[in-house]
Amino acid sequence: MNSDKLRDDLDRLRAELARLAGNDPQARDKLDRLIADIEDHVGQPDGRTSHQGLIAGLRDAIRQFETGHPRATAILNDIMVTLSNMGI
């Protein structure tokens, strides 16, 4: 269930990323890297240290996008909750 929710959240983030494509290339690049990091991490979890790095990256993105990109921020918060429910 959690992996399905995460997949749905990542799809929503990709849709938001497409919407941002022309407006904010830096935001698009950061979110694209974050999506890749999440997918890599979930596909090959390799310990607590990488969990901390992934969560730190998500928190940083949330802080960066919270005023200018509220939809992306809401999706990132959902992803944080889902990862937490998965034990990450």
N, C-alpha and C. Protein backbone atom coordinates (compact mmCIF):
# COMPACT_ATOMS: atom_id res chain seq x y z
N MET A 1 0.82 -1.19 0.00
CA MET A 1 0.00 0.00 0.00
C MET A 1 0.86 1.25 0.00
N ASN A 2 1.86 1.33 0.91
CA ASN A 2 2.70 2.52 0.98
C ASN A 2 3.48 2.75 -0.31
N SER A 3 3.95 1.67 -0.94
CA SER A 3 4.70 1.85 -2.19
C SER A 3 3.77 2.35 -3.30
N ASP A 4 2.51 1.93 -3.30
CA ASP A 4 1.55 2.46 -4.28
C ASP A 4 1.30 3.94 -4.02
N LYS A 5 1.17 4.31 -2.76
CA LYS A 5 0.95 5.72 -2.40
C LYS A 5 2.15 6.55 -2.82
N LEU A 6 3.34 6.04 -2.57
CA LEU A 6 4.55 6.75 -2.95
C LEU A 6 4.62 6.93 -4.46
N ARG A 7 4.29 5.88 -5.19
CA ARG A 7 4.28 5.97 -6.66
C ARG A 7 3.29 7.03 -7.13
N ASP A 8 2.11 7.05 -6.53
CA ASP A 8 1.10 8.06 -6.87
C ASP A 8 1.60 9.47 -6.55
N ASP A 9 2.23 9.63 -5.38
CA ASP A 9 2.77 10.94 -4.99
C ASP A 9 3.86 11.39 -5.96
N LEU A 10 4.73 10.47 -6.35
CA LEU A 10 5.78 10.82 -7.30
C LEU A 10 5.20 11.19 -8.66
N ASP A 11 4.14 10.50 -9.07
CA ASP A 11 3.47 10.86 -10.33
C ASP A 11 2.87 12.26 -10.24
N ARG A 12 2.28 12.58 -9.08
CA ARG A 12 1.73 13.93 -8.88
C ARG A 12 2.84 14.97 -8.91
N LEU A 13 3.99 14.65 -8.32
CA LEU A 13 5.11 15.57 -8.33
C LEU A 13 5.65 15.75 -9.76
N ARG A 14 5.68 14.68 -10.52
CA ARG A 14 6.10 14.79 -11.93
C ARG A 14 5.16 15.69 -12.72
N ALA A 15 3.86 15.57 -12.47
CA ALA A 15 2.88 16.43 -13.15
C ALA A 15 3.11 17.89 -12.76
N GLU A 16 3.40 18.13 -11.50
CA GLU A 16 3.69 19.50 -11.06
C GLU A 16 4.99 19.98 -11.68
N LEU A 17 5.94 19.09 -11.80
CA LEU A 17 7.21 19.41 -12.43
C LEU A 17 7.01 19.83 -13.88
N ALA A 18 6.14 19.13 -14.59
CA ALA A 18 5.84 19.49 -15.98
C ALA A 18 5.19 20.87 -16.05
N ARG A 19 4.37 21.19 -15.08
CA ARG A 19 3.72 22.49 -15.03
C ARG A 19 4.74 23.61 -14.80
N LEU A 20 5.78 23.31 -14.04
CA LEU A 20 6.81 24.29 -13.74
C LEU A 20 7.86 24.40 -14.84
N ALA A 21 7.82 23.52 -15.79
CA ALA A 21 8.89 23.36 -16.77
C ALA A 21 9.39 24.68 -17.36
N GLY A 22 8.51 25.52 -17.85
CA GLY A 22 8.95 26.75 -18.46
C GLY A 22 9.13 27.89 -17.49
N ASN A 23 8.49 27.82 -16.35
CA ASN A 23 8.47 28.95 -15.42
C ASN A 23 9.68 29.02 -14.50
N ASP A 24 10.19 27.89 -14.09
CA ASP A 24 11.25 27.89 -13.09
C ASP A 24 12.18 26.70 -13.33
N PRO A 25 13.15 26.86 -14.24
CA PRO A 25 14.03 25.73 -14.56
C PRO A 25 14.84 25.22 -13.38
N GLN A 26 15.22 26.10 -12.44
CA GLN A 26 15.98 25.64 -11.27
C GLN A 26 15.12 24.75 -10.38
N ALA A 27 13.87 25.14 -10.18
CA ALA A 27 12.95 24.32 -9.38
C ALA A 27 12.73 22.98 -10.06
N ARG A 28 12.55 23.02 -11.36
CA ARG A 28 12.34 21.79 -12.12
C ARG A 28 13.52 20.85 -11.95
N ASP A 29 14.73 21.37 -12.09
CA ASP A 29 15.93 20.53 -11.96
C ASP A 29 16.06 19.94 -10.56
N LYS A 30 15.79 20.75 -9.55
CA LYS A 30 15.89 20.27 -8.17
C LYS A 30 14.87 19.16 -7.90
N LEU A 31 13.63 19.38 -8.34
CA LEU A 31 12.59 18.37 -8.13
C LEU A 31 12.89 17.10 -8.92
N ASP A 32 13.41 17.25 -10.12
CA ASP A 32 13.76 16.09 -10.95
C ASP A 32 14.84 15.24 -10.26
N ARG A 33 15.85 15.90 -9.69
CA ARG A 33 16.90 15.18 -8.96
C ARG A 33 16.33 14.51 -7.71
N LEU A 34 15.43 15.21 -7.03
CA LEU A 34 14.84 14.67 -5.81
C LEU A 34 14.00 13.43 -6.12
N ILE A 35 13.23 13.47 -7.19
CA ILE A 35 12.45 12.30 -7.59
C ILE A 35 13.38 11.12 -7.87
N ALA A 36 14.46 11.37 -8.61
CA ALA A 36 15.42 10.29 -8.91
C ALA A 36 16.05 9.74 -7.62
N ASP A 37 16.38 10.63 -6.68
CA ASP A 37 16.96 10.18 -5.41
C ASP A 37 15.98 9.31 -4.63
N ILE A 38 14.71 9.72 -4.59
CA ILE A 38 13.70 8.94 -3.88
C ILE A 38 13.55 7.57 -4.52
N GLU A 39 13.44 7.53 -5.83
CA GLU A 39 13.28 6.25 -6.52
C GLU A 39 14.49 5.35 -6.32
N ASP A 40 15.69 5.92 -6.39
CA ASP A 40 16.89 5.13 -6.16
C ASP A 40 16.93 4.59 -4.73
N HIS A 41 16.59 5.44 -3.79
CA HIS A 41 16.65 5.04 -2.39
C HIS A 41 15.64 3.95 -2.06
N VAL A 42 14.43 4.11 -2.54
CA VAL A 42 13.40 3.12 -2.25
C VAL A 42 13.71 1.80 -2.96
N GLY A 43 14.31 1.90 -4.14
CA GLY A 43 14.67 0.69 -4.88
C GLY A 43 15.83 -0.06 -4.27
N GLN A 44 16.73 0.67 -3.61
CA GLN A 44 17.92 0.07 -3.02
C GLN A 44 18.25 0.71 -1.68
N PRO A 45 17.40 0.55 -0.68
CA PRO A 45 17.69 1.17 0.62
C PRO A 45 18.99 0.61 1.18
N ASP A 46 19.88 1.49 1.60
CA ASP A 46 21.18 1.01 2.07
C ASP A 46 21.61 1.65 3.39
N GLY A 47 20.68 1.81 4.30
CA GLY A 47 21.07 2.20 5.63
C GLY A 47 20.56 3.55 6.10
N ARG A 48 20.76 3.77 7.37
CA ARG A 48 20.25 4.95 8.06
C ARG A 48 20.87 6.25 7.53
N THR A 49 22.14 6.23 7.18
CA THR A 49 22.80 7.45 6.72
C THR A 49 22.13 7.98 5.47
N SER A 50 21.84 7.10 4.53
CA SER A 50 21.19 7.57 3.31
C SER A 50 19.75 7.99 3.59
N HIS A 51 19.10 7.36 4.57
CA HIS A 51 17.77 7.82 4.97
C HIS A 51 17.84 9.27 5.40
N GLN A 52 18.81 9.56 6.23
CA GLN A 52 18.95 10.92 6.74
C GLN A 52 19.22 11.91 5.62
N GLY A 53 20.05 11.53 4.65
CA GLY A 53 20.34 12.40 3.52
C GLY A 53 19.11 12.65 2.66
N LEU A 54 18.34 11.62 2.45
CA LEU A 54 17.12 11.75 1.65
C LEU A 54 16.11 12.66 2.35
N ILE A 55 15.92 12.44 3.64
CA ILE A 55 14.97 13.25 4.40
C ILE A 55 15.46 14.70 4.46
N ALA A 56 16.75 14.91 4.62
CA ALA A 56 17.29 16.27 4.63
C ALA A 56 17.04 16.96 3.29
N GLY A 57 17.18 16.23 2.20
CA GLY A 57 16.91 16.79 0.88
C GLY A 57 15.45 17.16 0.71
N LEU A 58 14.56 16.32 1.22
CA LEU A 58 13.13 16.63 1.16
C LEU A 58 12.80 17.87 2.00
N ARG A 59 13.35 17.93 3.19
CA ARG A 59 13.10 19.10 4.05
C ARG A 59 13.61 20.38 3.40
N ASP A 60 14.78 20.30 2.80
CA ASP A 60 15.34 21.46 2.11
C ASP A 60 14.44 21.90 0.96
N ALA A 61 13.95 20.95 0.19
CA ALA A 61 13.06 21.28 -0.93
C ALA A 61 11.76 21.90 -0.43
N ILE A 62 11.23 21.37 0.66
CA ILE A 62 10.00 21.93 1.22
C ILE A 62 10.22 23.37 1.64
N ARG A 63 11.32 23.63 2.32
CA ARG A 63 11.62 25.02 2.72
C ARG A 63 11.78 25.93 1.50
N GLN A 64 12.45 25.43 0.49
CA GLN A 64 12.71 26.23 -0.70
C GLN A 64 11.43 26.56 -1.47
N PHE A 65 10.51 25.60 -1.55
CA PHE A 65 9.34 25.76 -2.41
C PHE A 65 8.08 26.23 -1.69
N GLU A 66 8.09 26.32 -0.36
CA GLU A 66 6.85 26.53 0.36
C GLU A 66 6.13 27.83 -0.01
N THR A 67 6.81 28.88 -0.35
CA THR A 67 6.10 30.11 -0.70
C THR A 67 5.83 30.22 -2.19
N GLY A 68 6.79 29.83 -3.02
CA GLY A 68 6.64 30.01 -4.46
C GLY A 68 5.92 28.89 -5.17
N HIS A 69 5.93 27.71 -4.60
CA HIS A 69 5.34 26.54 -5.25
C HIS A 69 4.55 25.71 -4.23
N PRO A 70 3.41 26.22 -3.79
CA PRO A 70 2.66 25.54 -2.72
C PRO A 70 2.18 24.15 -3.11
N ARG A 71 1.84 23.93 -4.37
CA ARG A 71 1.41 22.57 -4.75
C ARG A 71 2.54 21.57 -4.62
N ALA A 72 3.72 21.95 -5.10
CA ALA A 72 4.88 21.06 -4.97
C ALA A 72 5.18 20.80 -3.50
N THR A 73 5.06 21.83 -2.68
CA THR A 73 5.30 21.68 -1.24
C THR A 73 4.33 20.69 -0.61
N ALA A 74 3.06 20.78 -0.97
CA ALA A 74 2.06 19.85 -0.43
C ALA A 74 2.38 18.42 -0.84
N ILE A 75 2.78 18.23 -2.07
CA ILE A 75 3.12 16.88 -2.55
C ILE A 75 4.36 16.37 -1.83
N LEU A 76 5.35 17.23 -1.66
CA LEU A 76 6.57 16.83 -0.94
C LEU A 76 6.25 16.44 0.50
N ASN A 77 5.35 17.17 1.14
CA ASN A 77 4.92 16.80 2.50
C ASN A 77 4.26 15.43 2.50
N ASP A 78 3.42 15.16 1.51
CA ASP A 78 2.79 13.83 1.40
C ASP A 78 3.84 12.74 1.24
N ILE A 79 4.86 13.02 0.44
CA ILE A 79 5.93 12.05 0.24
C ILE A 79 6.68 11.80 1.55
N MET A 80 6.93 12.86 2.31
CA MET A 80 7.60 12.70 3.61
C MET A 80 6.79 11.78 4.53
N VAL A 81 5.49 11.96 4.57
CA VAL A 81 4.62 11.13 5.42
C VAL A 81 4.66 9.68 4.94
N THR A 82 4.57 9.50 3.63
CA THR A 82 4.58 8.14 3.08
C THR A 82 5.91 7.44 3.39
N LEU A 83 7.02 8.14 3.19
CA LEU A 83 8.32 7.55 3.50
C LEU A 83 8.43 7.23 4.99
N SER A 84 7.90 8.10 5.83
CA SER A 84 7.91 7.84 7.26
C SER A 84 7.11 6.57 7.59
N ASN A 85 5.97 6.42 6.95
CA ASN A 85 5.15 5.22 7.16
C ASN A 85 5.86 3.96 6.67
N MET A 86 6.80 4.14 5.74
CA MET A 86 7.56 3.00 5.22
C MET A 86 8.79 2.72 6.08
N GLY A 87 9.00 3.55 7.12
CA GLY A 87 10.13 3.35 8.01
C GLY A 87 11.39 4.06 7.54
N ILE A 88 11.23 5.00 6.65
CA ILE A 88 12.40 5.73 6.12
C ILE A 88 12.43 7.10 6.75
